Amino acid sequence: MTDTITIDHQGHVAIIEIHRPPANYFDVDVLTTLADLGTELAADSRTRAIVLCSEGKHFCAGANFASGGLGEERVDEHRRLRRAGA
């Protein structure tokens, strides 16, 4: 796993934790990793449930558009985030 997202199994429960405190913003990389983990865990017969949690004060304050710049770059980043979350 990465420093940003960890996974731990407790019995048949997979606990996925996001480590981006205090606000735990999502970006394309986080959404892609979460989607990939969901796919992997769905195929894993030992996993019956997934708990998604996060470190820090907030579960998730939303998407991080700061890296997307201004104008058209921000719109492009938004589109990539929507595709990753679909």
N, C-alpha and C. Protein backbone atom coordinates (compact mmCIF):
# COMPACT_ATOMS: atom_id res chain seq x y z
N MET A 1 0.84 -1.18 0.00
CA MET A 1 0.00 0.00 0.00
C MET A 1 0.88 1.24 0.00
N THR A 2 0.27 2.41 0.11
CA THR A 2 1.01 3.66 0.08
C THR A 2 0.98 4.31 1.45
N ASP A 3 1.70 5.42 1.59
CA ASP A 3 1.64 6.19 2.83
C ASP A 3 0.29 6.89 2.97
N THR A 4 -0.36 7.13 1.84
CA THR A 4 -1.63 7.85 1.84
C THR A 4 -2.80 6.95 2.19
N ILE A 5 -2.77 5.70 1.78
CA ILE A 5 -3.87 4.75 2.03
C ILE A 5 -3.29 3.45 2.55
N THR A 6 -3.86 2.96 3.65
CA THR A 6 -3.45 1.67 4.18
C THR A 6 -4.67 0.75 4.26
N ILE A 7 -4.39 -0.54 4.29
CA ILE A 7 -5.46 -1.52 4.41
C ILE A 7 -5.06 -2.54 5.46
N ASP A 8 -6.03 -2.90 6.28
CA ASP A 8 -5.82 -3.89 7.33
C ASP A 8 -7.03 -4.80 7.36
N HIS A 9 -6.80 -6.09 7.51
CA HIS A 9 -7.90 -7.05 7.63
C HIS A 9 -8.09 -7.42 9.10
N GLN A 10 -9.32 -7.36 9.55
CA GLN A 10 -9.68 -7.86 10.87
C GLN A 10 -10.80 -8.86 10.65
N GLY A 11 -10.42 -10.11 10.66
CA GLY A 11 -11.39 -11.15 10.31
C GLY A 11 -11.78 -10.99 8.86
N HIS A 12 -13.10 -10.92 8.62
CA HIS A 12 -13.60 -10.77 7.25
C HIS A 12 -13.84 -9.32 6.87
N VAL A 13 -13.35 -8.39 7.67
CA VAL A 13 -13.55 -6.97 7.42
C VAL A 13 -12.23 -6.34 6.97
N ALA A 14 -12.27 -5.68 5.83
CA ALA A 14 -11.12 -4.92 5.33
C ALA A 14 -11.29 -3.47 5.75
N ILE A 15 -10.31 -2.93 6.44
CA ILE A 15 -10.37 -1.54 6.89
C ILE A 15 -9.39 -0.74 6.03
N ILE A 16 -9.94 0.16 5.24
CA ILE A 16 -9.14 1.04 4.40
C ILE A 16 -9.10 2.40 5.08
N GLU A 17 -7.89 2.91 5.31
CA GLU A 17 -7.75 4.20 5.99
C GLU A 17 -6.98 5.18 5.12
N ILE A 18 -7.53 6.39 5.01
CA ILE A 18 -6.90 7.48 4.27
C ILE A 18 -6.08 8.29 5.27
N HIS A 19 -4.82 8.55 4.93
CA HIS A 19 -3.91 9.29 5.80
C HIS A 19 -3.49 10.60 5.14
N ARG A 20 -4.37 11.58 5.21
CA ARG A 20 -4.09 12.92 4.68
C ARG A 20 -4.68 13.97 5.60
N PRO A 21 -4.39 13.89 6.91
CA PRO A 21 -5.01 14.83 7.83
C PRO A 21 -4.50 16.26 7.61
N PRO A 22 -5.23 17.25 8.04
CA PRO A 22 -6.47 17.13 8.82
C PRO A 22 -7.72 17.02 7.96
N ALA A 23 -7.66 17.35 6.65
CA ALA A 23 -8.88 17.42 5.86
C ALA A 23 -9.12 16.21 4.96
N ASN A 24 -8.10 15.38 4.72
CA ASN A 24 -8.24 14.17 3.92
C ASN A 24 -8.89 14.42 2.56
N TYR A 25 -8.36 15.41 1.85
CA TYR A 25 -8.87 15.71 0.51
C TYR A 25 -8.65 14.54 -0.43
N PHE A 26 -9.62 14.34 -1.33
CA PHE A 26 -9.49 13.36 -2.39
C PHE A 26 -8.83 14.03 -3.59
N ASP A 27 -8.10 13.26 -4.35
CA ASP A 27 -7.62 13.67 -5.66
C ASP A 27 -7.69 12.45 -6.56
N VAL A 28 -7.23 12.58 -7.78
CA VAL A 28 -7.34 11.49 -8.75
C VAL A 28 -6.63 10.24 -8.24
N ASP A 29 -5.43 10.40 -7.68
CA ASP A 29 -4.67 9.24 -7.20
C ASP A 29 -5.41 8.50 -6.09
N VAL A 30 -5.98 9.24 -5.14
CA VAL A 30 -6.71 8.61 -4.03
C VAL A 30 -7.94 7.88 -4.55
N LEU A 31 -8.70 8.53 -5.41
CA LEU A 31 -9.92 7.89 -5.94
C LEU A 31 -9.59 6.66 -6.77
N THR A 32 -8.52 6.74 -7.55
CA THR A 32 -8.11 5.58 -8.35
C THR A 32 -7.69 4.43 -7.45
N THR A 33 -6.91 4.73 -6.42
CA THR A 33 -6.46 3.69 -5.50
C THR A 33 -7.64 3.06 -4.77
N LEU A 34 -8.59 3.87 -4.31
CA LEU A 34 -9.77 3.33 -3.63
C LEU A 34 -10.59 2.44 -4.56
N ALA A 35 -10.76 2.86 -5.81
CA ALA A 35 -11.52 2.05 -6.77
C ALA A 35 -10.80 0.73 -7.03
N ASP A 36 -9.49 0.79 -7.19
CA ASP A 36 -8.72 -0.45 -7.43
C ASP A 36 -8.80 -1.39 -6.22
N LEU A 37 -8.71 -0.82 -5.01
CA LEU A 37 -8.82 -1.65 -3.81
C LEU A 37 -10.20 -2.30 -3.72
N GLY A 38 -11.23 -1.54 -4.03
CA GLY A 38 -12.58 -2.10 -4.01
C GLY A 38 -12.74 -3.27 -4.95
N THR A 39 -12.15 -3.15 -6.14
CA THR A 39 -12.20 -4.23 -7.12
C THR A 39 -11.44 -5.46 -6.60
N GLU A 40 -10.25 -5.24 -6.06
CA GLU A 40 -9.45 -6.34 -5.53
C GLU A 40 -10.17 -7.04 -4.37
N LEU A 41 -10.72 -6.25 -3.46
CA LEU A 41 -11.37 -6.83 -2.28
C LEU A 41 -12.67 -7.56 -2.65
N ALA A 42 -13.35 -7.11 -3.68
CA ALA A 42 -14.57 -7.78 -4.12
C ALA A 42 -14.26 -9.20 -4.62
N ALA A 43 -13.06 -9.38 -5.15
CA ALA A 43 -12.66 -10.69 -5.66
C ALA A 43 -12.01 -11.56 -4.58
N ASP A 44 -11.77 -11.01 -3.40
CA ASP A 44 -11.11 -11.71 -2.30
C ASP A 44 -12.17 -12.39 -1.43
N SER A 45 -12.21 -13.70 -1.41
CA SER A 45 -13.26 -14.43 -0.70
C SER A 45 -13.22 -14.21 0.82
N ARG A 46 -12.11 -13.77 1.36
CA ARG A 46 -12.05 -13.56 2.82
C ARG A 46 -12.66 -12.22 3.23
N THR A 47 -12.93 -11.34 2.27
CA THR A 47 -13.48 -10.02 2.59
C THR A 47 -14.99 -10.03 2.41
N ARG A 48 -15.69 -9.75 3.49
CA ARG A 48 -17.16 -9.68 3.44
C ARG A 48 -17.67 -8.26 3.60
N ALA A 49 -16.83 -7.38 4.16
CA ALA A 49 -17.22 -5.99 4.35
C ALA A 49 -15.99 -5.11 4.25
N ILE A 50 -16.21 -3.87 3.84
CA ILE A 50 -15.14 -2.88 3.77
C ILE A 50 -15.55 -1.68 4.60
N VAL A 51 -14.65 -1.23 5.48
CA VAL A 51 -14.86 -0.02 6.26
C VAL A 51 -13.87 1.02 5.73
N LEU A 52 -14.37 2.17 5.34
CA LEU A 52 -13.53 3.26 4.87
C LEU A 52 -13.49 4.32 5.97
N CYS A 53 -12.28 4.65 6.42
CA CYS A 53 -12.12 5.65 7.48
C CYS A 53 -10.93 6.53 7.15
N SER A 54 -10.72 7.55 7.96
CA SER A 54 -9.61 8.45 7.70
C SER A 54 -9.01 8.96 9.00
N GLU A 55 -7.76 9.36 8.89
CA GLU A 55 -7.01 9.90 10.01
C GLU A 55 -7.27 11.40 10.08
N GLY A 56 -7.37 11.94 11.27
CA GLY A 56 -7.51 13.38 11.42
C GLY A 56 -8.90 13.81 11.82
N LYS A 57 -9.11 15.11 11.75
CA LYS A 57 -10.34 15.73 12.24
C LYS A 57 -11.55 15.48 11.34
N HIS A 58 -11.34 15.41 10.04
CA HIS A 58 -12.44 15.28 9.09
C HIS A 58 -12.31 13.97 8.31
N PHE A 59 -13.44 13.39 7.97
CA PHE A 59 -13.39 12.21 7.12
C PHE A 59 -12.87 12.61 5.74
N CYS A 60 -13.52 13.58 5.12
CA CYS A 60 -13.06 14.09 3.82
C CYS A 60 -13.70 15.45 3.60
N ALA A 61 -12.87 16.43 3.34
CA ALA A 61 -13.37 17.79 3.11
C ALA A 61 -13.66 18.05 1.63
N GLY A 62 -13.55 17.02 0.80
CA GLY A 62 -13.86 17.18 -0.61
C GLY A 62 -12.66 16.92 -1.49
N ALA A 63 -12.74 17.43 -2.72
CA ALA A 63 -11.66 17.22 -3.69
C ALA A 63 -10.66 18.35 -3.62
N ASN A 64 -9.40 18.02 -3.85
CA ASN A 64 -8.33 18.99 -3.84
C ASN A 64 -8.09 19.49 -5.27
N PHE A 65 -8.49 20.73 -5.53
CA PHE A 65 -8.28 21.32 -6.84
C PHE A 65 -7.07 22.24 -6.86
N ALA A 66 -6.38 22.39 -5.74
CA ALA A 66 -5.25 23.31 -5.66
C ALA A 66 -4.18 22.99 -6.68
N SER A 67 -3.95 21.72 -6.94
CA SER A 67 -2.92 21.33 -7.90
C SER A 67 -3.37 21.53 -9.34
N GLY A 68 -4.65 21.80 -9.55
CA GLY A 68 -5.18 21.94 -10.89
C GLY A 68 -4.99 23.31 -11.51
N GLY A 69 -4.45 24.27 -10.75
CA GLY A 69 -4.26 25.60 -11.30
C GLY A 69 -5.56 26.35 -11.42
N LEU A 70 -5.59 27.29 -12.34
CA LEU A 70 -6.77 28.12 -12.54
C LEU A 70 -7.36 27.85 -13.91
N GLY A 71 -8.57 28.24 -14.08
CA GLY A 71 -9.22 28.17 -15.38
C GLY A 71 -9.41 26.76 -15.90
N GLU A 72 -9.02 26.57 -17.16
CA GLU A 72 -9.25 25.30 -17.85
C GLU A 72 -8.57 24.13 -17.16
N GLU A 73 -7.40 24.36 -16.56
CA GLU A 73 -6.70 23.28 -15.85
C GLU A 73 -7.55 22.76 -14.70
N ARG A 74 -8.22 23.65 -14.00
CA ARG A 74 -9.08 23.24 -12.88
C ARG A 74 -10.27 22.44 -13.39
N VAL A 75 -10.84 22.83 -14.50
CA VAL A 75 -11.95 22.10 -15.09
C VAL A 75 -11.49 20.71 -15.50
N ASP A 76 -10.32 20.61 -16.11
CA ASP A 76 -9.78 19.30 -16.50
C ASP A 76 -9.57 18.41 -15.29
N GLU A 77 -9.04 18.96 -14.20
CA GLU A 77 -8.83 18.18 -12.98
C GLU A 77 -10.16 17.68 -12.44
N HIS A 78 -11.18 18.52 -12.47
CA HIS A 78 -12.51 18.13 -12.02
C HIS A 78 -13.03 16.95 -12.85
N ARG A 79 -12.84 17.03 -14.15
CA ARG A 79 -13.28 15.93 -15.02
C ARG A 79 -12.56 14.64 -14.71
N ARG A 80 -11.25 14.73 -14.46
CA ARG A 80 -10.48 13.52 -14.12
C ARG A 80 -10.98 12.94 -12.81
N LEU A 81 -11.28 13.79 -11.82
CA LEU A 81 -11.78 13.30 -10.54
C LEU A 81 -13.13 12.60 -10.73
N ARG A 82 -14.01 13.16 -11.52
CA ARG A 82 -15.32 12.55 -11.75
C ARG A 82 -15.18 11.19 -12.44
N ARG A 83 -14.28 11.10 -13.42
CA ARG A 83 -14.07 9.83 -14.11
C ARG A 83 -13.49 8.79 -13.16
N ALA A 84 -12.57 9.20 -12.31
CA ALA A 84 -11.94 8.25 -11.36
C ALA A 84 -12.95 7.74 -10.35
N GLY A 85 -13.91 8.58 -9.97
CA GLY A 85 -14.90 8.18 -8.98
C GLY A 85 -16.07 7.42 -9.56
N ALA A 86 -16.16 7.36 -10.86
CA ALA A 86 -17.31 6.71 -11.51
C ALA A 86 -17.17 5.20 -11.45
